[in-house]
C-alpha cells in the first residue's frame, strides 16, 4: 500500500476533479432528480462524481465504500483492514436548493478508525484535509479546481479549533435536519448561563466549522451514514477534536456491519 501522504494526494486530486464535474451539472440550466430506494435524492452530479472518484481510488487497490456504489456484503467487508469511505456529493438536498453547501467527502479508514480525510466545497473552491497520524489538519481556498498539489501544500493554512472559553457557545445545527432531541440538547446548554448561538450549515461543512474554530460543538441526534461523517471525523481528529458515539461513549467506528451511525457529539476533547 502507498504511504498516507501519497494516498492523501490521490484523494485530494480525486475531490478536485469530482468538483469540476459537479459544477458542470450545478451550473447547467436544469438537472434531473431521481429518488433512491431510501427516498434520498440522486442527481447526475452524484453519479458522475462517483465515477471520477472511483477512477482515482480503484488503482490504489484499497476497497471502497461509497454511497453510490453497490455495497459489498459484510461477510467480505469485515476482513478489510483498510478501506476508502466516500460520499461523492454530500448534501444533495443543498445541491438541489442551489445554496452551495454541499461537499465531496473522501476518507481512508484503518481498523475502523479514520486516518485521513478530504472535504472539498466545489462552489467556494474550499478544500479541507487532515492526516490523523501526524495530527495535521489544513485548509485552503483555491483559485481554480485545477490547482496543483504543490501549490496546495505550499499555501494551505493550519486548522485551529477554539481553545479559549467564552460567554457564548456556538452550536452547529443542520440546514435540513434539526431533530427534537437536538433542540432539547440546545435547551439544556442554556442552563449554563451562556449565550447560545446556532450556526447552521449543510453537509459535512458542520465538521469543518468545528475544526477551523468557528463553532464549539456539533450534536447529531438524527440519522447519518458512515460516508456522511468519515472525512469530517478524520479532519476533526487531525486537530484533536473528538467525534463521540452516544451509544458507546467512544469515537465513531467505520466499516461496521450496519453502515448507519449512532447519534454522536463532535467537540474538543478539552471540554
Protein backbone atom coordinates (compact mmCIF):
# COMPACT_ATOMS: atom_id res chain seq x y z
CA UNK A 1 0.00 0.00 0.00
CA UNK A 2 1.17 3.52 -0.76
CA UNK A 3 2.09 5.69 2.23
CA UNK A 4 -0.51 8.02 3.72
CA UNK A 5 0.89 11.17 2.12
CA UNK A 6 0.55 9.59 -1.33
CA UNK A 7 -2.96 8.42 -0.57
CA UNK A 8 -3.90 11.87 0.70
CA UNK A 9 -2.61 13.37 -2.56
CA UNK A 10 -4.72 10.91 -4.57
CA UNK A 11 -7.81 11.75 -2.51
CA UNK A 12 -7.26 15.49 -2.96
CA UNK A 13 -6.87 15.14 -6.73
CA UNK A 14 -9.98 12.95 -6.87
CA UNK A 15 -12.02 15.53 -4.95
CA UNK A 16 -10.94 18.40 -7.19
CA UNK A 17 -11.71 16.53 -10.40
CA UNK A 18 -15.06 15.47 -8.98
CA UNK A 19 -15.68 19.13 -8.13
CA UNK A 20 -15.31 20.12 -11.77
CA UNK A 21 -17.91 17.56 -12.86
CA UNK A 22 -20.27 18.57 -10.05
CA UNK A 23 -20.09 22.24 -11.01
CA UNK A 24 -20.79 21.43 -14.66
CA UNK A 25 -24.12 19.97 -13.56
CA UNK A 26 -24.76 22.61 -10.87
CA UNK A 27 -24.32 25.46 -13.33
CA UNK A 28 -26.47 23.86 -16.03
CA UNK A 29 -29.95 25.20 -16.68
CA UNK A 30 -31.63 22.12 -15.30
CA UNK A 31 -30.81 18.68 -13.96
CA UNK A 32 -32.85 15.55 -13.42
CA UNK A 33 -33.52 14.42 -9.86
CA UNK A 34 -34.14 10.74 -9.15
CA UNK A 35 -35.34 9.25 -5.87
CA UNK A 36 -33.40 6.29 -4.49
CA UNK A 37 -34.86 3.37 -2.53
CA UNK A 38 -34.32 5.17 0.78
CA UNK A 39 -36.18 8.23 -0.58
CA UNK A 40 -32.98 10.29 -0.78
CA UNK A 41 -32.39 12.34 -3.94
CA UNK A 42 -29.87 11.47 -6.66
CA UNK A 43 -28.62 13.71 -9.48
CA UNK A 44 -26.32 13.34 -12.44
CA UNK A 45 -23.68 15.11 -10.34
CA UNK A 46 -23.68 12.28 -7.77
CA UNK A 47 -23.23 9.65 -10.47
CA UNK A 48 -20.53 11.48 -12.43
CA UNK A 49 -18.56 12.47 -9.32
CA UNK A 50 -18.68 8.87 -8.10
CA UNK A 51 -17.30 7.60 -11.41
CA UNK A 52 -14.42 10.08 -11.28
CA UNK A 53 -13.54 9.33 -7.65
CA UNK A 54 -13.63 5.58 -8.32
CA UNK A 55 -11.23 6.08 -11.24
CA UNK A 56 -8.69 7.60 -8.82
CA UNK A 57 -9.21 5.22 -5.89
CA UNK A 58 -9.55 1.84 -7.62
CA UNK A 59 -5.86 1.84 -8.73
CA UNK A 60 -4.81 2.07 -5.05
CA UNK A 61 -6.20 -1.47 -4.67
CA UNK A 62 -7.89 -0.41 -1.43
CA UNK A 63 -11.59 -1.37 -1.33
CA UNK A 64 -14.18 1.39 -1.47
CA UNK A 65 -17.39 2.03 0.43
CA UNK A 66 -19.26 4.76 -1.47
CA UNK A 67 -22.82 5.92 -1.11
CA UNK A 68 -23.27 5.45 -4.85
CA UNK A 69 -21.52 2.07 -5.19
CA UNK A 70 -23.28 -1.26 -4.70
CA UNK A 71 -22.40 -2.19 -1.12
CA UNK A 72 -20.17 -5.23 -0.55
CA UNK A 73 -21.56 -7.86 1.78
CA UNK A 74 -20.26 -7.61 5.35
CA UNK A 75 -19.02 -11.20 5.17
CA UNK A 76 -16.36 -9.79 2.83
CA UNK A 77 -16.05 -6.28 4.26
CA UNK A 78 -15.30 -7.50 7.78
CA UNK A 79 -11.94 -8.74 6.51
CA UNK A 80 -10.93 -5.32 5.18
CA UNK A 81 -8.20 -3.81 7.35
CA UNK A 82 -8.22 -0.62 5.26
CA UNK A 83 -10.89 0.95 3.06
CA UNK A 84 -11.95 4.21 1.47
CA UNK A 85 -15.27 5.74 2.53
CA UNK A 86 -16.75 8.16 0.01
CA UNK A 87 -19.72 10.44 -0.46
CA UNK A 88 -19.39 11.92 -3.98
CA UNK A 89 -21.91 14.69 -3.20
CA UNK A 90 -22.67 15.10 0.48
CA UNK A 91 -25.67 17.40 0.83
CA UNK A 92 -27.56 16.57 -2.36
CA UNK A 93 -30.55 18.39 -0.86
CA UNK A 94 -28.38 21.50 -0.56
CA UNK A 95 -27.19 20.95 -4.15
CA UNK A 96 -30.81 20.86 -5.34
CA UNK A 97 -31.60 24.02 -3.36
CA UNK A 98 -28.53 25.62 -5.01
CA UNK A 99 -27.27 27.08 -1.73
CA UNK A 100 -23.68 25.92 -2.28
CA UNK A 101 -23.44 23.97 0.98
CA UNK A 102 -22.55 20.57 -0.45
CA UNK A 103 -19.23 18.75 -0.41
CA UNK A 104 -17.12 15.93 -1.77
CA UNK A 105 -16.13 13.60 1.09
CA UNK A 106 -13.26 11.11 0.86
CA UNK A 107 -11.80 9.31 3.88
CA UNK A 108 -9.36 6.47 4.47
CA UNK A 109 -10.15 4.14 7.36
CA UNK A 110 -7.82 1.63 9.05
CA UNK A 111 -9.14 -0.90 11.57
CA UNK A 112 -12.41 1.03 11.73
CA UNK A 113 -10.76 4.38 12.50
CA UNK A 114 -10.39 7.32 10.08
CA UNK A 115 -6.75 8.14 9.36
CA UNK A 116 -7.12 10.77 6.65
CA UNK A 117 -9.90 12.84 5.23
CA UNK A 118 -10.61 15.29 2.41
CA UNK A 119 -13.63 17.59 2.14
CA UNK A 120 -13.98 19.78 -0.93
CA UNK A 121 -16.59 22.51 -1.36
CA UNK A 122 -16.88 22.98 -5.15
CA UNK A 123 -18.88 26.23 -5.13
CA UNK A 124 -16.38 28.15 -2.97
CA UNK A 125 -13.37 26.04 -4.05
CA UNK A 126 -12.56 25.50 -0.37
CA UNK A 127 -10.50 22.41 0.43
CA UNK A 128 -10.09 20.86 3.88
CA UNK A 129 -7.78 17.92 4.51
CA UNK A 130 -6.39 16.15 7.54
CA UNK A 131 -3.90 13.43 8.45
CA UNK A 132 -4.72 11.89 11.83
CA UNK A 133 -1.40 10.06 12.15
CA UNK A 134 0.70 13.23 12.04
CA UNK A 135 -2.04 15.37 13.68
CA UNK A 136 -2.15 17.89 10.87
CA UNK A 137 -5.32 19.50 9.51
CA UNK A 138 -5.21 22.20 6.86
CA UNK A 139 -7.45 24.24 4.55
CA UNK A 140 -7.14 26.44 1.50
CA UNK A 141 -9.43 28.46 -0.76
CA UNK A 142 -8.36 27.73 -4.31
CA UNK A 143 -8.33 29.99 -7.34
CA UNK A 144 -9.11 27.04 -9.58
CA UNK A 145 -10.27 23.43 -9.36
CA UNK A 146 -7.11 22.65 -11.32
CA UNK A 147 -4.71 23.98 -8.66
CA UNK A 148 -1.60 21.81 -8.37
CA UNK A 149 -0.83 19.74 -5.30
CA UNK A 150 2.45 21.61 -4.98
CA UNK A 151 0.64 24.93 -4.67
CA UNK A 152 -1.95 23.46 -2.28
CA UNK A 153 0.76 22.16 0.03
CA UNK A 154 2.62 25.46 -0.11
CA UNK A 155 -0.34 27.76 0.57
CA UNK A 156 -2.69 25.72 2.80
CA UNK A 157 -3.05 27.03 6.34
CA UNK A 158 -3.43 25.07 9.57
CA UNK A 159 -6.85 24.42 11.03
CA UNK A 160 -7.03 25.77 14.57
CA UNK A 161 -10.08 24.88 16.70
CA UNK A 162 -11.32 27.06 19.54
CA UNK A 163 -9.21 26.76 22.67
CA UNK A 164 -10.43 29.57 24.93
CA UNK A 165 -13.78 29.54 26.68
CA UNK A 166 -16.12 32.45 26.03
CA UNK A 167 -19.54 33.64 27.18
CA UNK A 168 -21.07 32.23 24.01
CA UNK A 169 -21.49 28.59 22.94
CA UNK A 170 -21.77 28.19 19.18
CA UNK A 171 -23.75 25.06 18.35
CA UNK A 172 -23.65 23.64 14.84
CA UNK A 173 -27.11 22.84 13.51
CA UNK A 174 -28.27 21.35 10.26
CA UNK A 175 -29.83 23.21 7.36
CA UNK A 176 -32.15 20.27 6.70
CA UNK A 177 -32.36 18.16 9.87
CA UNK A 178 -32.93 19.62 13.35
CA UNK A 179 -34.42 16.81 15.44
CA UNK A 180 -36.40 17.41 18.64
CA UNK A 181 -33.53 15.76 20.56
CA UNK A 182 -31.08 18.30 19.15
CA UNK A 183 -33.38 21.14 20.14
CA UNK A 184 -33.60 19.65 23.66
CA UNK A 185 -29.79 19.49 23.83
CA UNK A 186 -29.63 23.18 22.97
CA UNK A 187 -32.17 23.97 25.68
CA UNK A 188 -30.03 22.08 28.21
CA UNK A 189 -26.97 24.11 27.19
CA UNK A 190 -28.85 27.28 28.04
CA UNK A 191 -28.79 26.27 31.73
CA UNK A 192 -25.03 27.02 31.68
CA UNK A 193 -25.94 30.70 31.70
CA UNK A 194 -24.01 31.29 28.49
CA UNK A 195 -25.42 32.76 25.30
CA UNK A 196 -26.24 30.05 22.77
CA UNK A 197 -25.80 30.73 19.06
CA UNK A 198 -26.98 28.25 16.41
CA UNK A 199 -24.65 28.11 13.41
CA UNK A 200 -26.45 26.43 10.52
CA UNK A 201 -24.61 24.59 7.78
CA UNK A 202 -25.38 21.79 5.35
CA UNK A 203 -23.42 18.61 4.68
CA UNK A 204 -20.02 17.80 6.23
CA UNK A 205 -19.27 21.53 6.49
CA UNK A 206 -20.56 21.18 10.05
CA UNK A 207 -17.38 19.28 10.98
CA UNK A 208 -15.27 21.90 9.24
CA UNK A 209 -16.80 24.68 11.36
CA UNK A 210 -15.59 22.91 14.49
CA UNK A 211 -12.14 22.10 13.07
CA UNK A 212 -11.48 25.69 11.96
CA UNK A 213 -12.64 27.27 15.24
CA UNK A 214 -15.93 28.75 14.04
CA UNK A 215 -18.12 26.68 16.39
CA UNK A 216 -17.86 24.79 19.69
CA UNK A 217 -20.00 21.70 19.42
CA UNK A 218 -21.91 19.69 16.82
CA UNK A 219 -24.56 17.42 18.33
CA UNK A 220 -26.11 14.99 15.85
CA UNK A 221 -29.18 13.26 17.19
CA UNK A 222 -30.53 12.22 13.81
CA UNK A 223 -29.55 9.55 11.25
CA UNK A 224 -26.25 9.75 9.35
CA UNK A 225 -24.36 7.18 7.34
CA UNK A 226 -20.64 6.42 7.54
CA UNK A 227 -19.95 8.29 4.28
CA UNK A 228 -21.56 11.40 5.76
CA UNK A 229 -19.09 11.54 8.65
CA UNK A 230 -15.83 9.69 7.92
CA UNK A 231 -13.99 12.54 6.14
CA UNK A 232 -15.14 15.17 8.63
CA UNK A 233 -14.27 12.87 11.51
CA UNK A 234 -10.74 12.44 10.14
CA UNK A 235 -10.25 16.18 9.72
CA UNK A 236 -11.51 16.83 13.24
CA UNK A 237 -9.32 14.08 14.72
CA UNK A 238 -6.31 15.58 12.94
CA UNK A 239 -6.72 18.67 15.14
CA UNK A 240 -7.70 16.79 18.32
CA UNK A 241 -11.47 17.22 18.03
CA UNK A 242 -13.37 14.08 19.06
CA UNK A 243 -16.45 12.60 17.42
CA UNK A 244 -18.03 10.53 20.17
CA UNK A 245 -20.82 7.97 19.79
CA UNK A 246 -23.59 8.42 22.34
CA UNK A 247 -24.11 4.65 22.15
CA UNK A 248 -20.60 3.60 23.24
CA UNK A 249 -19.11 6.85 24.57
CA UNK A 250 -16.17 6.06 22.26
CA UNK A 251 -15.21 7.55 18.88
CA UNK A 252 -17.40 6.57 15.93
CA UNK A 253 -16.23 3.40 14.18
CA UNK A 254 -16.39 2.62 10.46
CA UNK A 255 -16.89 -0.31 8.12
CA UNK A 256 -19.46 -1.68 10.56
CA UNK A 257 -21.97 -4.34 9.57
CA UNK A 258 -24.62 -1.61 9.68
CA UNK A 259 -23.27 1.49 7.93
CA UNK A 260 -25.76 3.68 9.84
CA UNK A 261 -24.05 5.77 12.53
CA UNK A 262 -25.30 6.04 16.10
CA UNK A 263 -26.05 9.53 17.39
CA UNK A 264 -22.89 11.46 18.20
CA UNK A 265 -21.40 14.68 19.53
CA UNK A 266 -18.39 16.39 17.94
CA UNK A 267 -16.46 18.70 20.24
CA UNK A 268 -13.00 19.46 21.61
CA UNK A 269 -11.53 16.74 23.81
CA UNK A 270 -10.66 19.53 26.25
CA UNK A 271 -14.36 20.10 27.02
